[in-house]
Amino acid sequence: MKKIESIATGGTIAGSNHMGKTTNYKAGSLSVEDLLASIPDIKSEFDISLFPLLSVDSNEMNITVFLLD
């Protein structure tokens, strides 16, 4: 079985709001577990390790964020 290591940093792909609405959109609001749950059968095909490092809007991403005060 192939292995996938996922490091989550939030951002656009983890953003959410009510379906069909763009107001009140919040980047980084979904967990990496929520994202993986939306992919049918992925856990039966791959050995997946998850590491939720950050939950930051892509516009806020910079080197200071990665220094993890």
PDB file of N, CA and C in Angstrom:
ATOM      1  N   MET A   1       0.848  -1.181   0.000  1.00  0.00           N
ATOM      2  CA  MET A   1       0.000   0.000   0.000  1.00  0.00           C
ATOM      3  C   MET A   1       0.892   1.242   0.000  1.00  0.00           C
ATOM      4  N   LYS A   2       0.579   2.179  -0.863  1.00  0.00           N
ATOM      5  CA  LYS A   2       1.349   3.419  -0.936  1.00  0.00           C
ATOM      6  C   LYS A   2       1.015   4.312   0.248  1.00  0.00           C
ATOM      7  N   LYS A   3       2.016   5.092   0.651  1.00  0.00           N
ATOM      8  CA  LYS A   3       1.881   5.961   1.824  1.00  0.00           C
ATOM      9  C   LYS A   3       1.836   7.417   1.395  1.00  0.00           C
ATOM     10  N   ILE A   4       0.954   8.182   2.032  1.00  0.00           N
ATOM     11  CA  ILE A   4       0.849   9.623   1.805  1.00  0.00           C
ATOM     12  C   ILE A   4       1.051  10.327   3.138  1.00  0.00           C
ATOM     13  N   GLU A   5       1.949  11.297   3.158  1.00  0.00           N
ATOM     14  CA  GLU A   5       2.154  12.164   4.319  1.00  0.00           C
ATOM     15  C   GLU A   5       1.562  13.520   3.962  1.00  0.00           C
ATOM     16  N   SER A   6       0.618  14.003   4.741  1.00  0.00           N
ATOM     17  CA  SER A   6      -0.044  15.271   4.457  1.00  0.00           C
ATOM     18  C   SER A   6       0.243  16.280   5.564  1.00  0.00           C
ATOM     19  N   ILE A   7       0.803  17.419   5.171  1.00  0.00           N
ATOM     20  CA  ILE A   7       1.036  18.518   6.107  1.00  0.00           C
ATOM     21  C   ILE A   7       0.043  19.610   5.768  1.00  0.00           C
ATOM     22  N   ALA A   8      -0.884  19.863   6.671  1.00  0.00           N
ATOM     23  CA  ALA A   8      -1.943  20.840   6.430  1.00  0.00           C
ATOM     24  C   ALA A   8      -1.524  22.225   6.922  1.00  0.00           C
ATOM     25  N   THR A   9      -1.762  23.218   6.072  1.00  0.00           N
ATOM     26  CA  THR A   9      -1.456  24.602   6.453  1.00  0.00           C
ATOM     27  C   THR A   9      -2.673  25.516   6.319  1.00  0.00           C
ATOM     28  N   GLY A  10      -3.852  24.933   6.111  1.00  0.00           N
ATOM     29  CA  GLY A  10      -5.062  25.750   5.972  1.00  0.00           C
ATOM     30  C   GLY A  10      -5.129  26.339   4.586  1.00  0.00           C
ATOM     31  N   GLY A  11      -5.516  27.590   4.483  1.00  0.00           N
ATOM     32  CA  GLY A  11      -5.547  28.277   3.206  1.00  0.00           C
ATOM     33  C   GLY A  11      -6.812  28.031   2.413  1.00  0.00           C
ATOM     34  N   THR A  12      -6.752  28.364   1.131  1.00  0.00           N
ATOM     35  CA  THR A  12      -7.921  28.346   0.258  1.00  0.00           C
ATOM     36  C   THR A  12      -8.565  26.970   0.166  1.00  0.00           C
ATOM     37  N   ILE A  13      -7.771  25.930  -0.002  1.00  0.00           N
ATOM     38  CA  ILE A  13      -8.347  24.586  -0.185  1.00  0.00           C
ATOM     39  C   ILE A  13      -9.112  24.131   1.056  1.00  0.00           C
ATOM     40  N   ALA A  14      -8.774  24.662   2.208  1.00  0.00           N
ATOM     41  CA  ALA A  14      -9.453  24.291   3.451  1.00  0.00           C
ATOM     42  C   ALA A  14     -10.486  25.328   3.868  1.00  0.00           C
ATOM     43  N   GLY A  15     -10.872  26.199   2.934  1.00  0.00           N
ATOM     44  CA  GLY A  15     -11.863  27.233   3.240  1.00  0.00           C
ATOM     45  C   GLY A  15     -13.273  26.723   3.106  1.00  0.00           C
ATOM     46  N   SER A  16     -14.182  27.418   3.772  1.00  0.00           N
ATOM     47  CA  SER A  16     -15.563  26.971   3.732  1.00  0.00           C
ATOM     48  C   SER A  16     -16.523  28.120   4.002  1.00  0.00           C
ATOM     49  N   ASN A  17     -17.758  27.892   3.594  1.00  0.00           N
ATOM     50  CA  ASN A  17     -18.895  28.751   3.882  1.00  0.00           C
ATOM     51  C   ASN A  17     -20.130  27.980   3.458  1.00  0.00           C
ATOM     52  N   HIS A  18     -21.279  28.583   3.560  1.00  0.00           N
ATOM     53  CA  HIS A  18     -22.507  27.932   3.109  1.00  0.00           C
ATOM     54  C   HIS A  18     -22.427  27.726   1.603  1.00  0.00           C
ATOM     55  N   MET A  19     -22.883  26.574   1.122  1.00  0.00           N
ATOM     56  CA  MET A  19     -22.827  26.245  -0.295  1.00  0.00           C
ATOM     57  C   MET A  19     -23.469  27.340  -1.145  1.00  0.00           C
ATOM     58  N   GLY A  20     -22.723  27.783  -2.165  1.00  0.00           N
ATOM     59  CA  GLY A  20     -23.235  28.790  -3.087  1.00  0.00           C
ATOM     60  C   GLY A  20     -23.046  30.218  -2.620  1.00  0.00           C
ATOM     61  N   LYS A  21     -22.505  30.414  -1.441  1.00  0.00           N
ATOM     62  CA  LYS A  21     -22.317  31.766  -0.900  1.00  0.00           C
ATOM     63  C   LYS A  21     -20.832  32.111  -0.885  1.00  0.00           C
ATOM     64  N   THR A  22     -20.510  33.356  -1.211  1.00  0.00           N
ATOM     65  CA  THR A  22     -19.116  33.803  -1.139  1.00  0.00           C
ATOM     66  C   THR A  22     -18.896  34.767   0.017  1.00  0.00           C
ATOM     67  N   THR A  23     -19.966  35.287   0.594  1.00  0.00           N
ATOM     68  CA  THR A  23     -19.804  36.165   1.749  1.00  0.00           C
ATOM     69  C   THR A  23     -19.504  35.323   2.975  1.00  0.00           C
ATOM     70  N   ASN A  24     -18.757  35.866   3.882  1.00  0.00           N
ATOM     71  CA  ASN A  24     -18.361  35.195   5.124  1.00  0.00           C
ATOM     72  C   ASN A  24     -17.492  33.956   4.889  1.00  0.00           C
ATOM     73  N   TYR A  25     -16.871  33.864   3.709  1.00  0.00           N
ATOM     74  CA  TYR A  25     -15.932  32.769   3.434  1.00  0.00           C
ATOM     75  C   TYR A  25     -14.785  32.862   4.431  1.00  0.00           C
ATOM     76  N   LYS A  26     -14.352  31.736   4.967  1.00  0.00           N
ATOM     77  CA  LYS A  26     -13.238  31.719   5.912  1.00  0.00           C
ATOM     78  C   LYS A  26     -12.226  30.673   5.462  1.00  0.00           C
ATOM     79  N   ALA A  27     -11.049  31.131   5.102  1.00  0.00           N
ATOM     80  CA  ALA A  27      -9.967  30.225   4.713  1.00  0.00           C
ATOM     81  C   ALA A  27      -9.499  29.429   5.923  1.00  0.00           C
ATOM     82  N   GLY A  28      -9.069  28.215   5.676  1.00  0.00           N
ATOM     83  CA  GLY A  28      -8.495  27.394   6.745  1.00  0.00           C
ATOM     84  C   GLY A  28      -9.496  26.903   7.769  1.00  0.00           C
ATOM     85  N   SER A  29     -10.769  26.878   7.436  1.00  0.00           N
ATOM     86  CA  SER A  29     -11.773  26.491   8.432  1.00  0.00           C
ATOM     87  C   SER A  29     -12.045  24.982   8.479  1.00  0.00           C
ATOM     88  N   LEU A  30     -11.604  24.247   7.467  1.00  0.00           N
ATOM     89  CA  LEU A  30     -11.784  22.795   7.459  1.00  0.00           C
ATOM     90  C   LEU A  30     -10.500  22.098   7.901  1.00  0.00           C
ATOM     91  N   SER A  31     -10.657  21.022   8.633  1.00  0.00           N
ATOM     92  CA  SER A  31      -9.481  20.250   9.049  1.00  0.00           C
ATOM     93  C   SER A  31      -9.029  19.344   7.910  1.00  0.00           C
ATOM     94  N   VAL A  32      -7.816  18.850   7.995  1.00  0.00           N
ATOM     95  CA  VAL A  32      -7.312  17.934   6.974  1.00  0.00           C
ATOM     96  C   VAL A  32      -8.125  16.639   6.986  1.00  0.00           C
ATOM     97  N   GLU A  33      -8.654  16.262   8.149  1.00  0.00           N
ATOM     98  CA  GLU A  33      -9.516  15.087   8.232  1.00  0.00           C
ATOM     99  C   GLU A  33     -10.807  15.309   7.446  1.00  0.00           C
ATOM    100  N   ASP A  34     -11.384  16.534   7.550  1.00  0.00           N
ATOM    101  CA  ASP A  34     -12.593  16.862   6.798  1.00  0.00           C
ATOM    102  C   ASP A  34     -12.335  16.788   5.293  1.00  0.00           C
ATOM    103  N   LEU A  35     -11.198  17.302   4.859  1.00  0.00           N
ATOM    104  CA  LEU A  35     -10.863  17.272   3.436  1.00  0.00           C
ATOM    105  C   LEU A  35     -10.713  15.834   2.934  1.00  0.00           C
ATOM    106  N   LEU A  36     -10.027  15.006   3.696  1.00  0.00           N
ATOM    107  CA  LEU A  36      -9.834  13.614   3.287  1.00  0.00           C
ATOM    108  C   LEU A  36     -11.152  12.848   3.284  1.00  0.00           C
ATOM    109  N   ALA A  37     -12.052  13.178   4.201  1.00  0.00           N
ATOM    110  CA  ALA A  37     -13.352  12.511   4.254  1.00  0.00           C
ATOM    111  C   ALA A  37     -14.175  12.782   2.996  1.00  0.00           C
ATOM    112  N   SER A  38     -13.846  13.848   2.277  1.00  0.00           N
ATOM    113  CA  SER A  38     -14.585  14.172   1.057  1.00  0.00           C
ATOM    114  C   SER A  38     -14.084  13.393  -0.161  1.00  0.00           C
ATOM    115  N   ILE A  39     -13.057  12.577   0.020  1.00  0.00           N
ATOM    116  CA  ILE A  39     -12.496  11.771  -1.075  1.00  0.00           C
ATOM    117  C   ILE A  39     -12.868  10.310  -0.836  1.00  0.00           C
ATOM    118  N   PRO A  40     -13.838   9.801  -1.588  1.00  0.00           N
ATOM    119  CA  PRO A  40     -14.294   8.424  -1.368  1.00  0.00           C
ATOM    120  C   PRO A  40     -13.168   7.395  -1.502  1.00  0.00           C
ATOM    121  N   ASP A  41     -13.135   6.449  -0.603  1.00  0.00           N
ATOM    122  CA  ASP A  41     -12.234   5.281  -0.643  1.00  0.00           C
ATOM    123  C   ASP A  41     -10.742   5.597  -0.522  1.00  0.00           C
ATOM    124  N   ILE A  42     -10.372   6.821  -0.219  1.00  0.00           N
ATOM    125  CA  ILE A  42      -8.930   7.135  -0.171  1.00  0.00           C
ATOM    126  C   ILE A  42      -8.213   6.338   0.913  1.00  0.00           C
ATOM    127  N   LYS A  43      -8.861   6.145   2.056  1.00  0.00           N
ATOM    128  CA  LYS A  43      -8.199   5.430   3.150  1.00  0.00           C
ATOM    129  C   LYS A  43      -8.048   3.940   2.863  1.00  0.00           C
ATOM    130  N   SER A  44      -8.862   3.412   1.952  1.00  0.00           N
ATOM    131  CA  SER A  44      -8.708   1.999   1.607  1.00  0.00           C
ATOM    132  C   SER A  44      -7.619   1.795   0.546  1.00  0.00           C
ATOM    133  N   GLU A  45      -7.232   2.861  -0.138  1.00  0.00           N
ATOM    134  CA  GLU A  45      -6.224   2.778  -1.190  1.00  0.00           C
ATOM    135  C   GLU A  45      -4.822   3.192  -0.717  1.00  0.00           C
ATOM    136  N   PHE A  46      -4.760   4.040   0.322  1.00  0.00           N
ATOM    137  CA  PHE A  46      -3.481   4.594   0.773  1.00  0.00           C
ATOM    138  C   PHE A  46      -3.370   4.563   2.289  1.00  0.00           C
ATOM    139  N   ASP A  47      -2.143   4.436   2.767  1.00  0.00           N
ATOM    140  CA  ASP A  47      -1.844   4.594   4.187  1.00  0.00           C
ATOM    141  C   ASP A  47      -1.537   6.080   4.375  1.00  0.00           C
ATOM    142  N   ILE A  48      -2.404   6.799   5.080  1.00  0.00           N
ATOM    143  CA  ILE A  48      -2.298   8.259   5.167  1.00  0.00           C
ATOM    144  C   ILE A  48      -1.935   8.695   6.571  1.00  0.00           C
ATOM    145  N   SER A  49      -0.893   9.541   6.674  1.00  0.00           N
ATOM    146  CA  SER A  49      -0.525  10.175   7.936  1.00  0.00           C
ATOM    147  C   SER A  49      -0.816  11.658   7.810  1.00  0.00           C
ATOM    148  N   LEU A  50      -1.477  12.210   8.813  1.00  0.00           N
ATOM    149  CA  LEU A  50      -1.876  13.611   8.785  1.00  0.00           C
ATOM    150  C   LEU A  50      -1.110  14.410   9.823  1.00  0.00           C
ATOM    151  N   PHE A  51      -0.660  15.582   9.431  1.00  0.00           N
ATOM    152  CA  PHE A  51       0.030  16.475  10.349  1.00  0.00           C
ATOM    153  C   PHE A  51      -0.531  17.880  10.168  1.00  0.00           C
ATOM    154  N   PRO A  52      -1.463  18.293  11.033  1.00  0.00           N
ATOM    155  CA  PRO A  52      -2.037  19.640  10.921  1.00  0.00           C
ATOM    156  C   PRO A  52      -1.090  20.689  11.517  1.00  0.00           C
ATOM    157  N   LEU A  53      -0.230  21.246  10.695  1.00  0.00           N
ATOM    158  CA  LEU A  53       0.778  22.201  11.144  1.00  0.00           C
ATOM    159  C   LEU A  53       0.183  23.564  11.476  1.00  0.00           C
ATOM    160  N   LEU A  54      -0.614  24.115  10.555  1.00  0.00           N
ATOM    161  CA  LEU A  54      -1.182  25.459  10.708  1.00  0.00           C
ATOM    162  C   LEU A  54      -2.602  25.480  10.163  1.00  0.00           C
ATOM    163  N   SER A  55      -3.302  26.570  10.424  1.00  0.00           N
ATOM    164  CA  SER A  55      -4.580  26.827   9.777  1.00  0.00           C
ATOM    165  C   SER A  55      -4.619  28.323   9.491  1.00  0.00           C
ATOM    166  N   VAL A  56      -3.998  28.703   8.363  1.00  0.00           N
ATOM    167  CA  VAL A  56      -3.765  30.106   8.043  1.00  0.00           C
ATOM    168  C   VAL A  56      -4.277  30.420   6.638  1.00  0.00           C
ATOM    169  N   ASP A  57      -4.891  31.578   6.483  1.00  0.00           N
ATOM    170  CA  ASP A  57      -5.292  32.077   5.172  1.00  0.00           C
ATOM    171  C   ASP A  57      -4.034  32.224   4.309  1.00  0.00           C
ATOM    172  N   SER A  58      -4.114  31.846   3.049  1.00  0.00           N
ATOM    173  CA  SER A  58      -2.959  31.930   2.146  1.00  0.00           C
ATOM    174  C   SER A  58      -2.381  33.343   2.078  1.00  0.00           C
ATOM    175  N   ASN A  59      -3.235  34.346   2.202  1.00  0.00           N
ATOM    176  CA  ASN A  59      -2.760  35.733   2.173  1.00  0.00           C
ATOM    177  C   ASN A  59      -1.949  36.099   3.401  1.00  0.00           C
ATOM    178  N   GLU A  60      -2.093  35.338   4.463  1.00  0.00           N
ATOM    179  CA  GLU A  60      -1.367  35.590   5.711  1.00  0.00           C
ATOM    180  C   GLU A  60      -0.077  34.774   5.806  1.00  0.00           C
ATOM    181  N   MET A  61       0.161  33.900   4.833  1.00  0.00           N
ATOM    182  CA  MET A  61       1.315  32.999   4.876  1.00  0.00           C
ATOM    183  C   MET A  61       2.612  33.769   4.635  1.00  0.00           C
ATOM    184  N   ASN A  62       3.562  33.601   5.540  1.00  0.00           N
ATOM    185  CA  ASN A  62       4.881  34.207   5.401  1.00  0.00           C
ATOM    186  C   ASN A  62       5.864  33.419   6.264  1.00  0.00           C
ATOM    187  N   ILE A  63       7.111  33.769   6.218  1.00  0.00           N
ATOM    188  CA  ILE A  63       8.144  33.019   6.947  1.00  0.00           C
ATOM    189  C   ILE A  63       7.918  33.067   8.448  1.00  0.00           C
ATOM    190  N   THR A  64       7.379  34.159   8.965  1.00  0.00           N
ATOM    191  CA  THR A  64       7.127  34.276  10.397  1.00  0.00           C
ATOM    192  C   THR A  64       6.135  33.223  10.869  1.00  0.00           C
ATOM    193  N   VAL A  65       5.133  32.931  10.063  1.00  0.00           N
ATOM    194  CA  VAL A  65       4.146  31.907  10.402  1.00  0.00           C
ATOM    195  C   VAL A  65       4.823  30.562  10.578  1.00  0.00           C
ATOM    196  N   PHE A  66       5.801  30.235   9.728  1.00  0.00           N
ATOM    197  CA  PHE A  66       6.474  28.944   9.807  1.00  0.00           C
ATOM    198  C   PHE A  66       7.471  28.850  10.949  1.00  0.00           C
ATOM    199  N   LEU A  67       7.843  29.966  11.529  1.00  0.00           N
ATOM    200  CA  LEU A  67       8.769  29.928  12.673  1.00  0.00           C
ATOM    201  C   LEU A  67       8.073  29.425  13.926  1.00  0.00           C
ATOM    202  N   LEU A  68       6.749  29.403  13.927  1.00  0.00           N
ATOM    203  CA  LEU A  68       5.959  28.831  15.021  1.00  0.00           C
ATOM    204  C   LEU A  68       6.347  29.376  16.387  1.00  0.00           C
ATOM    205  N   ASP A  69       6.168  30.658  16.552  1.00  0.00           N
ATOM    206  CA  ASP A  69       6.488  31.300  17.847  1.00  0.00           C
ATOM    207  C   ASP A  69       6.204  30.444  19.021  1.00  0.00           C
TER     208      ASP A  69
END
